[in-house]
Amino acid sequence: MILGYARVSTEDQRLDAQLAALETAGAGRVFAEKVSGTRTARPELERLIDQLRPGDVVVVTKYDRLSRSLQALLGIVARIQAAGAAFRSLAE
């Protein structure tokens, strides 16, 4: 299954463009939240990772929606891969 993750940093920002892109990419389910990328507590990202099954694909619109630093991005991708899933960014 393709699972999407969308994030904006503030309550004033909108998720619409990300949600539309993830739907177009075939995401069967999208986990979305409004939380700063610098915060380590991101409940929807944790929920997504907890629900991953082998063969799933996690899709984001851009790397920076998943993480603000390369080190954190690599850690999250490692967790996705440990669950037997793949990772894809639509922009990169």
Protein backbone atom coordinates (compact mmCIF):
# COMPACT_ATOMS: atom_id res chain seq x y z
CA MET A 1 0.00 0.00 0.00
CA ILE A 2 1.12 3.55 -0.67
CA LEU A 3 0.98 5.68 2.48
CA GLY A 4 1.41 9.44 2.30
CA TYR A 5 2.77 11.82 4.90
CA ALA A 6 2.02 15.54 4.78
CA ARG A 7 3.16 18.20 7.21
CA VAL A 8 3.02 21.96 7.55
CA SER A 9 4.81 23.90 10.25
CA THR A 10 2.10 26.24 11.50
CA GLU A 11 -1.66 26.27 11.97
CA ASP A 12 -1.90 29.09 9.41
CA GLN A 13 -0.47 26.97 6.61
CA ARG A 14 -2.59 24.67 4.48
CA LEU A 15 -2.10 21.01 3.61
CA ASP A 16 -4.23 21.10 0.44
CA ALA A 17 -1.44 21.04 -2.16
CA GLN A 18 0.41 18.20 -0.43
CA LEU A 19 -2.76 16.17 0.03
CA ALA A 20 -3.68 16.57 -3.65
CA ALA A 21 -0.19 15.54 -4.79
CA LEU A 22 -0.18 12.48 -2.52
CA GLU A 23 -3.62 11.44 -3.77
CA THR A 24 -2.42 11.79 -7.36
CA ALA A 25 0.60 9.63 -6.48
CA GLY A 26 -1.79 6.87 -5.41
CA ALA A 27 -1.67 7.18 -1.63
CA GLY A 28 -4.37 4.96 -0.18
CA ARG A 29 -4.03 6.63 3.19
CA VAL A 30 -2.47 9.94 4.19
CA PHE A 31 -1.16 10.89 7.61
CA ALA A 32 -1.17 14.68 8.00
CA GLU A 33 -0.23 17.05 10.77
CA LYS A 34 0.48 20.67 11.57
CA VAL A 35 3.65 20.67 13.62
CA SER A 36 7.08 22.24 13.27
CA GLY A 37 9.72 20.03 11.66
CA THR A 38 12.07 20.87 14.52
CA ARG A 39 9.81 19.10 17.02
CA THR A 40 10.67 15.50 17.67
CA ALA A 41 7.11 14.60 18.74
CA ARG A 42 5.10 14.06 15.58
CA PRO A 43 2.21 11.74 16.42
CA GLU A 44 0.99 11.17 12.87
CA LEU A 45 4.47 10.26 11.62
CA GLU A 46 4.79 7.78 14.49
CA ARG A 47 1.37 6.33 13.68
CA LEU A 48 2.38 5.90 10.04
CA ILE A 49 5.62 4.13 10.96
CA ASP A 50 3.82 1.90 13.47
CA GLN A 51 1.35 0.76 10.78
CA LEU A 52 3.92 -0.04 8.09
CA ARG A 53 3.95 -3.52 6.62
CA PRO A 54 6.48 -5.16 4.30
CA GLY A 55 5.97 -3.92 0.75
CA ASP A 56 4.39 -0.60 1.74
CA VAL A 57 5.72 2.64 0.26
CA VAL A 58 5.87 5.91 2.22
CA VAL A 59 5.48 8.94 -0.03
CA VAL A 60 6.11 12.62 0.75
CA THR A 61 5.94 15.62 -1.55
CA LYS A 62 9.44 16.81 -0.54
CA TYR A 63 12.16 15.60 1.83
CA ASP A 64 11.69 18.58 4.12
CA ARG A 65 8.13 17.50 4.90
CA LEU A 66 9.59 14.45 6.61
CA SER A 67 12.62 16.04 8.25
CA ARG A 68 14.53 19.30 8.59
CA SER A 69 18.00 17.72 8.77
CA LEU A 70 19.78 15.07 6.77
CA GLN A 71 20.67 13.11 9.91
CA ALA A 72 17.02 12.99 11.04
CA LEU A 73 15.86 12.12 7.51
CA LEU A 74 18.26 9.18 7.35
CA GLY A 75 17.05 7.96 10.75
CA ILE A 76 13.40 8.06 9.69
CA VAL A 77 14.13 6.34 6.37
CA ALA A 78 16.05 3.63 8.27
CA ARG A 79 12.97 3.02 10.43
CA ILE A 80 10.80 2.80 7.32
CA GLN A 81 13.20 0.30 5.73
CA ALA A 82 13.41 -1.73 8.96
CA ALA A 83 9.66 -2.28 8.64
CA GLY A 84 10.21 -3.70 5.15
CA ALA A 85 8.79 -0.62 3.44
CA ALA A 86 10.22 1.76 0.86
CA PHE A 87 10.45 5.56 0.77
CA ARG A 88 9.73 7.95 -2.08
CA SER A 89 9.78 11.72 -2.46
CA LEU A 90 7.80 13.25 -5.30
CA ALA A 91 10.10 16.27 -5.73
CA GLU A 92 13.57 14.77 -5.39
